[in-house]
Every structure is written in C-alpha cells, then in structure tokens.
Amino acid sequence: MDITKRQITKIAREVSKFTVRTLRDTGIGTGELDVLHTIRKNPGITQASVCRILGIDKGLAARQTASLEGKGYITRQENPEDGRSQLLFAAPQAEALKNSKAQIEAAFYEWLLEGLDEEQQSEFARLLCILYERCKQESKAEFPHMTERIQKEE
C-alpha cells in the first residue's frame, strides 16, 4: 500500500503545470523540456539515446529535437563513430532556459514550504535527501529493484 498516496508525484505535477504556464512565452512544451534536460545532462548524446533514456519513440524524439533545433536550443554535429547518427548539444540559449525553469520551481517550493515551521522544513528536507539519494542510486543502476518488483506483480 502506498502511504504517500502518490503525493510527491501530484506536487511535482502541479509545479510542472505552473512552470509550463510561466515558460509558455518561450514556446517550449513539457516534452521538449524533458528532451532538452536530457541533452544538457548528456552533451553529445544521440537521438536514439534520448529515446532510451526518456522512453519515447523515435518519431516523437525526431519531432522534438527538430523543434528545439529550430528554436535555437540545441545544435547537431556529425557523429564521427557512426555516419548515420548525429550528436546533440545544448546551445547557450538553453542554459538561460534552464536557469529560469529552476528559478520558477525553486520559488514554488519555497512558497509551498512557508506552511511549515523551521523545524518541520529541516526535517522534511533531511528526509527528502534520503529519498532522493535512494532514487538516484536506483536510476544509475538502471532500476534493478523496481524492475524486479514490477515483474513480480505481473
């Protein structure tokens, strides 16, 4: 039983809605933000790797990368190891977008935490750090524990 009632997901979804609404002037959608974030975190990534990391199909990745390139947020270079693929890089303009997105999210979370006293905020942050580290370890290991758990339920 999920005692969290998926509230972490629900909070993140609301923050995302607000962020997208605020960033609407940039012309970037949520899917494109995910692709751009992946490219920023993995400079020189291929489109196929973007698909694998995000779990999206090739057509969607092609449309989103073409859109981001057209808006000046990413650049492409020939892949010296494979003439059929190209390497994707975030353009300097993407850094400004990242900073504004992070600022919007931080402002939302600061506002949200104002409902807690200082001690509650510290304890929440401490516990959140523990959960985040566990999550990152699972992700870096390619989700072995979660894959096993989901397969057992099927």
Protein backbone atom coordinates (compact mmCIF):
# COMPACT_ATOMS: atom_id res chain seq x y z
CA MET A 1 0.00 0.00 0.00
CA ASP A 2 1.29 3.43 -0.92
CA ILE A 3 1.03 5.52 2.26
CA THR A 4 2.22 8.58 0.32
CA LYS A 5 -0.90 8.44 -1.88
CA ARG A 6 1.45 9.46 -4.70
CA GLN A 7 1.51 12.98 -3.30
CA ILE A 8 5.15 13.50 -4.36
CA THR A 9 4.02 12.91 -7.94
CA LYS A 10 0.99 15.12 -7.51
CA ILE A 11 3.05 18.00 -6.11
CA ALA A 12 5.60 17.64 -8.91
CA ARG A 13 2.77 17.66 -11.46
CA GLU A 14 1.36 20.91 -10.06
CA VAL A 15 4.81 22.53 -10.03
CA SER A 16 5.27 21.38 -13.62
CA LYS A 17 1.93 22.88 -14.64
CA PHE A 18 2.90 26.20 -13.11
CA THR A 19 6.36 26.09 -14.67
CA VAL A 20 4.98 25.32 -18.13
CA ARG A 21 2.41 28.09 -17.80
CA THR A 22 5.13 30.53 -16.76
CA LEU A 23 7.53 29.43 -19.52
CA ARG A 24 4.82 29.49 -22.21
CA ASP A 25 6.41 32.58 -23.80
CA THR A 26 9.48 30.50 -24.71
CA GLY A 27 7.37 28.22 -26.91
CA ILE A 28 8.77 25.13 -25.18
CA GLY A 29 6.43 22.34 -24.10
CA THR A 30 6.94 19.84 -21.28
CA GLY A 31 8.12 17.07 -23.60
CA GLU A 32 10.64 19.39 -25.18
CA LEU A 33 11.83 20.46 -21.73
CA ASP A 34 12.45 16.79 -20.89
CA VAL A 35 14.41 16.28 -24.12
CA LEU A 36 16.39 19.46 -23.58
CA HIS A 37 17.20 18.48 -20.00
CA THR A 38 18.42 15.08 -21.20
CA ILE A 39 20.65 16.69 -23.84
CA ARG A 40 22.02 19.21 -21.34
CA LYS A 41 22.87 16.41 -18.91
CA ASN A 42 24.42 14.26 -21.67
CA PRO A 43 26.28 16.53 -24.13
CA GLY A 44 26.92 14.75 -27.42
CA ILE A 45 24.06 12.30 -26.91
CA THR A 46 22.42 10.65 -29.90
CA GLN A 47 18.72 10.85 -30.62
CA ALA A 48 18.48 7.08 -30.08
CA SER A 49 19.90 7.51 -26.59
CA VAL A 50 17.40 10.27 -25.86
CA CYS A 51 14.67 7.78 -26.80
CA ARG A 52 16.11 5.14 -24.49
CA ILE A 53 16.55 7.47 -21.52
CA LEU A 54 13.10 9.07 -21.80
CA GLY A 55 11.24 6.01 -23.04
CA ILE A 56 9.85 7.83 -26.06
CA ASP A 57 9.58 6.62 -29.65
CA LYS A 58 11.87 7.68 -32.48
CA GLY A 59 9.26 9.78 -34.23
CA LEU A 60 8.50 11.86 -31.15
CA ALA A 61 12.20 12.35 -30.41
CA ALA A 62 12.78 13.43 -34.02
CA ARG A 63 9.95 15.99 -33.88
CA GLN A 64 11.04 17.38 -30.52
CA THR A 65 14.74 17.65 -31.40
CA ALA A 66 13.87 19.28 -34.74
CA SER A 67 11.65 21.76 -32.91
CA LEU A 68 14.33 22.52 -30.31
CA GLU A 69 16.91 22.96 -33.04
CA GLY A 70 14.60 25.30 -34.95
CA LYS A 71 14.11 27.39 -31.81
CA GLY A 72 17.88 27.58 -31.29
CA TYR A 73 18.02 25.49 -28.09
CA ILE A 74 20.13 22.62 -29.47
CA THR A 75 22.76 22.05 -32.13
CA ARG A 76 23.79 18.92 -34.03
CA GLN A 77 27.19 17.63 -35.05
CA GLU A 78 28.10 14.66 -37.19
CA ASN A 79 28.88 11.54 -35.18
CA PRO A 80 32.46 10.56 -36.10
CA GLU A 81 31.81 6.98 -34.95
CA ASP A 82 28.58 6.49 -36.89
CA GLY A 83 27.81 8.44 -40.06
CA ARG A 84 24.10 7.63 -39.71
CA SER A 85 23.60 9.50 -36.44
CA GLN A 86 24.26 12.95 -35.12
CA LEU A 87 25.38 14.18 -31.72
CA LEU A 88 23.12 16.62 -29.89
CA PHE A 89 24.32 19.53 -27.76
CA ALA A 90 22.51 22.22 -25.82
CA ALA A 91 23.02 25.72 -27.23
CA PRO A 92 23.93 28.60 -24.90
CA GLN A 93 20.31 29.76 -25.11
CA ALA A 94 19.28 26.50 -23.35
CA GLU A 95 21.25 27.46 -20.25
CA ALA A 96 19.15 30.58 -19.76
CA LEU A 97 16.00 28.48 -20.10
CA LYS A 98 17.32 26.00 -17.53
CA ASN A 99 18.05 28.81 -15.11
CA SER A 100 14.60 30.33 -15.49
CA LYS A 101 12.92 26.92 -15.08
CA ALA A 102 14.95 26.20 -11.95
CA GLN A 103 14.12 29.63 -10.55
CA ILE A 104 10.40 29.13 -11.12
CA GLU A 105 10.46 25.69 -9.48
CA ALA A 106 12.52 26.96 -6.54
CA ALA A 107 10.11 29.84 -5.97
CA PHE A 108 7.16 27.43 -5.97
CA TYR A 109 8.82 25.07 -3.48
CA GLU A 110 9.83 27.99 -1.25
CA TRP A 111 6.23 29.17 -1.24
CA LEU A 112 4.98 25.65 -0.51
CA LEU A 113 7.34 25.20 2.46
CA GLU A 114 6.23 28.50 4.03
CA GLY A 115 3.36 26.49 5.51
CA LEU A 116 5.84 24.63 7.74
CA ASP A 117 7.81 25.97 10.68
CA GLU A 118 11.62 25.97 10.54
CA GLU A 119 11.99 22.63 12.34
CA GLN A 120 9.46 20.94 10.06
CA GLN A 121 11.20 22.35 7.00
CA SER A 122 14.57 20.99 8.17
CA GLU A 123 13.16 17.54 8.92
CA PHE A 124 11.33 17.43 5.60
CA ALA A 125 14.50 18.43 3.72
CA ARG A 126 16.52 15.79 5.58
CA LEU A 127 14.06 13.00 4.74
CA LEU A 128 13.72 14.19 1.16
CA CYS A 129 17.51 13.98 0.75
CA ILE A 130 17.44 10.36 1.89
CA LEU A 131 14.69 9.51 -0.60
CA TYR A 132 16.42 11.40 -3.41
CA GLU A 133 19.72 9.57 -2.88
CA ARG A 134 17.92 6.21 -2.90
CA CYS A 135 16.10 7.20 -6.08
CA LYS A 136 19.29 8.32 -7.85
CA GLN A 137 21.12 5.12 -6.91
CA GLU A 138 18.28 3.05 -8.35
CA SER A 139 18.23 5.14 -11.52
CA LYS A 140 22.00 4.95 -12.05
CA ALA A 141 21.84 1.18 -11.67
CA GLU A 142 19.13 1.07 -14.40
CA PHE A 143 16.28 0.37 -11.90
CA PRO A 144 17.02 -3.28 -10.99
CA HIS A 145 14.97 -3.36 -7.78
CA MET A 146 11.96 -1.64 -9.28
CA THR A 147 12.07 -3.77 -12.41
CA GLU A 148 12.09 -6.90 -10.29
CA ARG A 149 9.25 -5.62 -8.13
CA ILE A 150 7.05 -4.71 -11.10
CA GLN A 151 7.75 -8.05 -12.81
CA LYS A 152 6.71 -9.92 -9.66
CA GLU A 153 3.38 -8.08 -9.66
CA GLU A 154 2.59 -9.08 -13.27
